Amino acid sequence: MLSIIGLVIVIVATYYTYKTAKDYGRNAVLWAIATFCVGFGVQFVVPIVIGFVLAIIWVIQGSTDPLEMQARLVGPAAVIGLICLVASLVGMWMILKKVSQVPDEPVGTTPPPPPTDFN
């Protein structure tokens, strides 16, 4: 259930980042892709990688039979998933906060020096 809500939040945050970046004159597509990659990557890819690494470590140590691995990973997977969901939300929020800042206006050139000849 949380993963579905998290996926909806990723999609909504990506759209809102695109809209905000476009309004502030930034590269909207690049910021939207960055938001999607951070949201989806931290929320879905990182927990899978951590689960694989944890399972490989347990099998190499010999503490768990590979056939019983799924049952043993249920508890840690829930905790890892929740932590990564929160980290995903924080990452997307930080990107959105950066995009919503008004960009600095470029400094103009200095005016020419005053004339020295007053004829």
N, C-alpha and C. Protein backbone atom coordinates (compact mmCIF):
# COMPACT_ATOMS: atom_id res chain seq x y z
N MET A 1 0.82 -1.20 0.00
CA MET A 1 0.00 0.00 0.00
C MET A 1 0.87 1.27 0.00
N LEU A 2 1.92 1.26 0.84
CA LEU A 2 2.78 2.43 0.89
C LEU A 2 3.53 2.64 -0.41
N SER A 3 3.87 1.53 -1.09
CA SER A 3 4.61 1.69 -2.34
C SER A 3 3.74 2.32 -3.42
N ILE A 4 2.46 2.03 -3.41
CA ILE A 4 1.55 2.65 -4.39
C ILE A 4 1.41 4.14 -4.10
N ILE A 5 1.24 4.48 -2.84
CA ILE A 5 1.16 5.89 -2.46
C ILE A 5 2.47 6.60 -2.79
N GLY A 6 3.59 5.93 -2.54
CA GLY A 6 4.89 6.51 -2.87
C GLY A 6 5.05 6.74 -4.36
N LEU A 7 4.58 5.80 -5.18
CA LEU A 7 4.67 5.96 -6.63
C LEU A 7 3.81 7.13 -7.11
N VAL A 8 2.63 7.28 -6.52
CA VAL A 8 1.77 8.41 -6.86
C VAL A 8 2.45 9.72 -6.48
N ILE A 9 3.09 9.75 -5.32
CA ILE A 9 3.78 10.96 -4.88
C ILE A 9 4.94 11.28 -5.83
N VAL A 10 5.66 10.26 -6.31
CA VAL A 10 6.75 10.48 -7.25
C VAL A 10 6.22 11.11 -8.53
N ILE A 11 5.12 10.61 -9.04
CA ILE A 11 4.55 11.15 -10.28
C ILE A 11 4.06 12.58 -10.09
N VAL A 12 3.37 12.83 -8.99
CA VAL A 12 2.87 14.18 -8.73
C VAL A 12 4.02 15.16 -8.50
N ALA A 13 5.04 14.74 -7.76
CA ALA A 13 6.19 15.62 -7.52
C ALA A 13 6.95 15.90 -8.81
N THR A 14 7.04 14.90 -9.69
CA THR A 14 7.71 15.11 -10.97
C THR A 14 6.96 16.13 -11.81
N TYR A 15 5.65 16.03 -11.87
CA TYR A 15 4.84 16.99 -12.62
C TYR A 15 4.98 18.39 -12.02
N TYR A 16 4.88 18.49 -10.70
CA TYR A 16 4.95 19.78 -10.05
C TYR A 16 6.34 20.41 -10.21
N THR A 17 7.39 19.59 -10.19
CA THR A 17 8.74 20.09 -10.42
C THR A 17 8.87 20.63 -11.84
N TYR A 18 8.32 19.89 -12.80
CA TYR A 18 8.36 20.34 -14.20
C TYR A 18 7.66 21.70 -14.34
N LYS A 19 6.47 21.80 -13.76
CA LYS A 19 5.70 23.04 -13.85
C LYS A 19 6.43 24.20 -13.17
N THR A 20 6.98 23.96 -12.00
CA THR A 20 7.67 25.01 -11.26
C THR A 20 8.94 25.44 -11.99
N ALA A 21 9.71 24.47 -12.49
CA ALA A 21 10.94 24.82 -13.21
C ALA A 21 10.63 25.61 -14.47
N LYS A 22 9.56 25.27 -15.15
CA LYS A 22 9.17 26.01 -16.35
C LYS A 22 8.76 27.44 -16.00
N ASP A 23 8.05 27.61 -14.89
CA ASP A 23 7.63 28.94 -14.47
C ASP A 23 8.81 29.84 -14.09
N TYR A 24 9.86 29.25 -13.54
CA TYR A 24 11.00 30.03 -13.09
C TYR A 24 12.12 30.11 -14.13
N GLY A 25 11.88 29.62 -15.33
CA GLY A 25 12.84 29.74 -16.41
C GLY A 25 14.01 28.78 -16.33
N ARG A 26 13.82 27.67 -15.67
CA ARG A 26 14.88 26.67 -15.58
C ARG A 26 14.62 25.56 -16.61
N ASN A 27 15.56 24.65 -16.76
CA ASN A 27 15.39 23.53 -17.67
C ASN A 27 14.40 22.54 -17.04
N ALA A 28 13.15 22.63 -17.46
CA ALA A 28 12.08 21.87 -16.82
C ALA A 28 12.23 20.37 -17.01
N VAL A 29 12.63 19.94 -18.18
CA VAL A 29 12.76 18.50 -18.44
C VAL A 29 13.86 17.90 -17.58
N LEU A 30 14.99 18.57 -17.49
CA LEU A 30 16.10 18.07 -16.69
C LEU A 30 15.74 17.96 -15.21
N TRP A 31 15.08 18.97 -14.69
CA TRP A 31 14.68 18.93 -13.28
C TRP A 31 13.62 17.86 -13.03
N ALA A 32 12.70 17.68 -13.97
CA ALA A 32 11.68 16.63 -13.81
C ALA A 32 12.31 15.25 -13.84
N ILE A 33 13.27 15.04 -14.73
CA ILE A 33 13.96 13.74 -14.79
C ILE A 33 14.75 13.50 -13.51
N ALA A 34 15.40 14.53 -12.99
CA ALA A 34 16.15 14.40 -11.74
C ALA A 34 15.22 14.04 -10.59
N THR A 35 14.06 14.67 -10.53
CA THR A 35 13.11 14.37 -9.47
C THR A 35 12.60 12.95 -9.57
N PHE A 36 12.27 12.51 -10.79
CA PHE A 36 11.79 11.14 -10.97
C PHE A 36 12.86 10.13 -10.61
N CYS A 37 14.10 10.37 -11.04
CA CYS A 37 15.18 9.43 -10.75
C CYS A 37 15.47 9.34 -9.25
N VAL A 38 15.46 10.47 -8.57
CA VAL A 38 15.67 10.45 -7.12
C VAL A 38 14.51 9.75 -6.42
N GLY A 39 13.30 10.11 -6.78
CA GLY A 39 12.13 9.52 -6.14
C GLY A 39 12.03 8.02 -6.38
N PHE A 40 12.09 7.62 -7.64
CA PHE A 40 11.94 6.21 -7.99
C PHE A 40 13.17 5.40 -7.56
N GLY A 41 14.35 5.96 -7.77
CA GLY A 41 15.57 5.25 -7.44
C GLY A 41 15.72 4.98 -5.95
N VAL A 42 15.52 6.00 -5.15
CA VAL A 42 15.68 5.83 -3.71
C VAL A 42 14.55 4.98 -3.13
N GLN A 43 13.38 5.09 -3.67
CA GLN A 43 12.23 4.39 -3.11
C GLN A 43 12.15 2.93 -3.56
N PHE A 44 12.57 2.61 -4.77
CA PHE A 44 12.40 1.26 -5.28
C PHE A 44 13.71 0.53 -5.56
N VAL A 45 14.68 1.19 -6.16
CA VAL A 45 15.92 0.52 -6.56
C VAL A 45 16.83 0.27 -5.36
N VAL A 46 17.02 1.26 -4.52
CA VAL A 46 17.92 1.12 -3.38
C VAL A 46 17.48 0.00 -2.43
N PRO A 47 16.20 -0.14 -2.07
CA PRO A 47 15.81 -1.26 -1.20
C PRO A 47 16.05 -2.63 -1.83
N ILE A 48 15.87 -2.74 -3.14
CA ILE A 48 16.12 -4.02 -3.80
C ILE A 48 17.60 -4.36 -3.75
N VAL A 49 18.45 -3.37 -4.01
CA VAL A 49 19.89 -3.60 -3.95
C VAL A 49 20.32 -3.97 -2.54
N ILE A 50 19.81 -3.26 -1.54
CA ILE A 50 20.14 -3.58 -0.15
C ILE A 50 19.67 -4.98 0.21
N GLY A 51 18.49 -5.37 -0.25
CA GLY A 51 17.98 -6.73 0.01
C GLY A 51 18.85 -7.80 -0.62
N PHE A 52 19.28 -7.57 -1.86
CA PHE A 52 20.17 -8.53 -2.52
C PHE A 52 21.50 -8.66 -1.77
N VAL A 53 22.07 -7.52 -1.40
CA VAL A 53 23.34 -7.55 -0.69
C VAL A 53 23.19 -8.26 0.65
N LEU A 54 22.13 -7.98 1.37
CA LEU A 54 21.87 -8.62 2.65
C LEU A 54 21.68 -10.13 2.48
N ALA A 55 20.95 -10.54 1.46
CA ALA A 55 20.73 -11.96 1.21
C ALA A 55 22.03 -12.66 0.84
N ILE A 56 22.84 -12.03 0.02
CA ILE A 56 24.12 -12.63 -0.37
C ILE A 56 25.04 -12.78 0.84
N ILE A 57 25.07 -11.77 1.70
CA ILE A 57 25.90 -11.85 2.90
C ILE A 57 25.44 -12.99 3.80
N TRP A 58 24.14 -13.13 3.99
CA TRP A 58 23.63 -14.20 4.84
C TRP A 58 23.92 -15.58 4.26
N VAL A 59 23.82 -15.72 2.95
CA VAL A 59 24.10 -17.02 2.32
C VAL A 59 25.59 -17.34 2.41
N ILE A 60 26.45 -16.34 2.19
CA ILE A 60 27.89 -16.58 2.27
C ILE A 60 28.30 -16.96 3.69
N GLN A 61 27.69 -16.32 4.67
CA GLN A 61 28.00 -16.65 6.07
C GLN A 61 27.47 -18.02 6.45
N GLY A 62 26.50 -18.52 5.70
CA GLY A 62 25.93 -19.83 6.01
C GLY A 62 24.88 -19.79 7.10
N SER A 63 24.45 -18.62 7.49
CA SER A 63 23.48 -18.51 8.57
C SER A 63 22.05 -18.76 8.11
N THR A 64 21.80 -18.69 6.80
CA THR A 64 20.45 -18.86 6.29
C THR A 64 20.48 -19.75 5.05
N ASP A 65 19.55 -20.67 4.98
CA ASP A 65 19.39 -21.49 3.80
C ASP A 65 18.78 -20.62 2.69
N PRO A 66 19.29 -20.71 1.47
CA PRO A 66 18.75 -19.87 0.39
C PRO A 66 17.25 -20.05 0.16
N LEU A 67 16.71 -21.21 0.49
CA LEU A 67 15.27 -21.43 0.30
C LEU A 67 14.43 -20.73 1.36
N GLU A 68 15.03 -20.40 2.49
CA GLU A 68 14.31 -19.71 3.57
C GLU A 68 14.59 -18.21 3.59
N MET A 69 15.29 -17.73 2.57
CA MET A 69 15.74 -16.33 2.57
C MET A 69 14.56 -15.36 2.56
N GLN A 70 13.54 -15.63 1.78
CA GLN A 70 12.42 -14.70 1.67
C GLN A 70 11.72 -14.51 3.01
N ALA A 71 11.56 -15.58 3.75
CA ALA A 71 10.90 -15.47 5.05
C ALA A 71 11.74 -14.66 6.03
N ARG A 72 13.05 -14.79 5.93
CA ARG A 72 13.92 -14.06 6.86
C ARG A 72 14.04 -12.58 6.48
N LEU A 73 13.85 -12.23 5.22
CA LEU A 73 14.00 -10.85 4.77
C LEU A 73 12.75 -9.99 4.98
N VAL A 74 11.65 -10.58 5.39
CA VAL A 74 10.40 -9.82 5.49
C VAL A 74 10.52 -8.66 6.48
N GLY A 75 11.04 -8.90 7.65
CA GLY A 75 11.16 -7.85 8.67
C GLY A 75 12.10 -6.73 8.26
N PRO A 76 13.36 -7.08 7.90
CA PRO A 76 14.28 -6.02 7.47
C PRO A 76 13.80 -5.29 6.22
N ALA A 77 13.12 -5.99 5.32
CA ALA A 77 12.65 -5.36 4.08
C ALA A 77 11.61 -4.28 4.38
N ALA A 78 10.77 -4.51 5.37
CA ALA A 78 9.77 -3.51 5.73
C ALA A 78 10.43 -2.25 6.29
N VAL A 79 11.42 -2.44 7.14
CA VAL A 79 12.12 -1.30 7.73
C VAL A 79 12.91 -0.55 6.66
N ILE A 80 13.63 -1.29 5.82
CA ILE A 80 14.41 -0.67 4.74
C ILE A 80 13.49 0.08 3.78
N GLY A 81 12.35 -0.51 3.45
CA GLY A 81 11.40 0.14 2.55
C GLY A 81 10.86 1.43 3.12
N LEU A 82 10.54 1.43 4.40
CA LEU A 82 10.02 2.65 5.03
C LEU A 82 11.08 3.74 5.10
N ILE A 83 12.30 3.37 5.44
CA ILE A 83 13.39 4.35 5.50
C ILE A 83 13.65 4.94 4.12
N CYS A 84 13.65 4.09 3.10
CA CYS A 84 13.89 4.58 1.74
C CYS A 84 12.72 5.43 1.23
N LEU A 85 11.51 5.13 1.65
CA LEU A 85 10.36 5.97 1.28
C LEU A 85 10.52 7.37 1.85
N VAL A 86 10.90 7.46 3.10
CA VAL A 86 11.11 8.77 3.73
C VAL A 86 12.28 9.49 3.05
N ALA A 87 13.36 8.77 2.76
CA ALA A 87 14.51 9.40 2.09
C ALA A 87 14.13 9.89 0.69
N SER A 88 13.27 9.15 0.01
CA SER A 88 12.79 9.55 -1.31
C SER A 88 11.99 10.85 -1.22
N LEU A 89 11.12 10.93 -0.25
CA LEU A 89 10.31 12.14 -0.07
C LEU A 89 11.19 13.34 0.26
N VAL A 90 12.17 13.13 1.11
CA VAL A 90 13.08 14.22 1.48
C VAL A 90 13.88 14.68 0.26
N GLY A 91 14.38 13.74 -0.53
CA GLY A 91 15.15 14.08 -1.72
C GLY A 91 14.33 14.86 -2.74
N MET A 92 13.09 14.42 -2.98
CA MET A 92 12.23 15.14 -3.93
C MET A 92 11.88 16.52 -3.40
N TRP A 93 11.65 16.62 -2.10
CA TRP A 93 11.34 17.92 -1.50
C TRP A 93 12.52 18.88 -1.65
N MET A 94 13.76 18.37 -1.47
CA MET A 94 14.93 19.23 -1.60
C MET A 94 15.10 19.71 -3.04
N ILE A 95 14.83 18.84 -4.01
CA ILE A 95 14.91 19.26 -5.41
C ILE A 95 13.85 20.31 -5.69
N LEU A 96 12.64 20.09 -5.23
CA LEU A 96 11.55 21.04 -5.46
C LEU A 96 11.84 22.37 -4.79
N LYS A 97 12.46 22.33 -3.62
CA LYS A 97 12.82 23.57 -2.94
C LYS A 97 13.86 24.34 -3.74
N LYS A 98 14.84 23.64 -4.31
CA LYS A 98 15.87 24.28 -5.12
C LYS A 98 15.27 24.88 -6.39
N VAL A 99 14.35 24.15 -7.02
CA VAL A 99 13.75 24.62 -8.27
C VAL A 99 12.87 25.84 -8.02
N SER A 100 12.24 25.91 -6.87
CA SER A 100 11.30 27.00 -6.60
C SER A 100 11.99 28.30 -6.17
N GLN A 101 13.32 28.27 -6.01
CA GLN A 101 14.03 29.50 -5.69
C GLN A 101 14.10 30.38 -6.94
N VAL A 102 13.94 31.67 -6.74
CA VAL A 102 14.01 32.61 -7.85
C VAL A 102 15.47 32.71 -8.27
N PRO A 103 15.76 32.45 -9.56
CA PRO A 103 17.16 32.52 -10.00
C PRO A 103 17.69 33.94 -9.94
N ASP A 104 18.98 34.03 -9.65
CA ASP A 104 19.62 35.35 -9.60
C ASP A 104 19.65 35.94 -10.99
N GLU A 105 19.40 37.25 -11.05
CA GLU A 105 19.47 37.92 -12.34
C GLU A 105 20.93 38.19 -12.66
N PRO A 106 21.30 38.04 -13.92
CA PRO A 106 22.70 38.27 -14.26
C PRO A 106 23.07 39.74 -14.05
N VAL A 107 24.29 39.93 -13.62
CA VAL A 107 24.78 41.28 -13.37
C VAL A 107 25.08 41.92 -14.72
N GLY A 108 24.56 43.12 -14.90
CA GLY A 108 24.78 43.83 -16.16
C GLY A 108 26.20 44.34 -16.28
N THR A 109 26.53 44.80 -17.45
CA THR A 109 27.86 45.37 -17.66
C THR A 109 27.93 46.73 -16.99
N THR A 110 29.12 47.15 -16.69
CA THR A 110 29.28 48.45 -16.05
C THR A 110 29.07 49.55 -17.09
N PRO A 111 28.54 50.66 -16.68
CA PRO A 111 28.32 51.75 -17.63
C PRO A 111 29.66 52.31 -18.10
N PRO A 112 29.66 52.94 -19.25
CA PRO A 112 30.93 53.51 -19.74
C PRO A 112 31.35 54.69 -18.86
N PRO A 113 32.63 54.97 -18.84
CA PRO A 113 33.09 56.08 -18.00
C PRO A 113 32.56 57.41 -18.56
N PRO A 114 32.42 58.38 -17.71
CA PRO A 114 31.92 59.69 -18.17
C PRO A 114 32.92 60.33 -19.12
N PRO A 115 32.41 61.13 -20.00
CA PRO A 115 33.32 61.79 -20.96
C PRO A 115 34.24 62.78 -20.23
N THR A 116 35.42 62.91 -20.77
CA THR A 116 36.37 63.86 -20.19
C THR A 116 36.37 65.19 -20.94
N ASP A 117 35.83 65.20 -22.14
CA ASP A 117 35.76 66.41 -22.94
C ASP A 117 34.37 67.02 -22.82
N PHE A 118 34.25 68.20 -22.23
CA PHE A 118 32.97 68.82 -22.02
C PHE A 118 32.73 70.02 -22.94
N ASN A 119 33.23 70.01 -24.15
CA ASN A 119 33.06 71.14 -25.09
C ASN A 119 31.68 71.18 -25.61
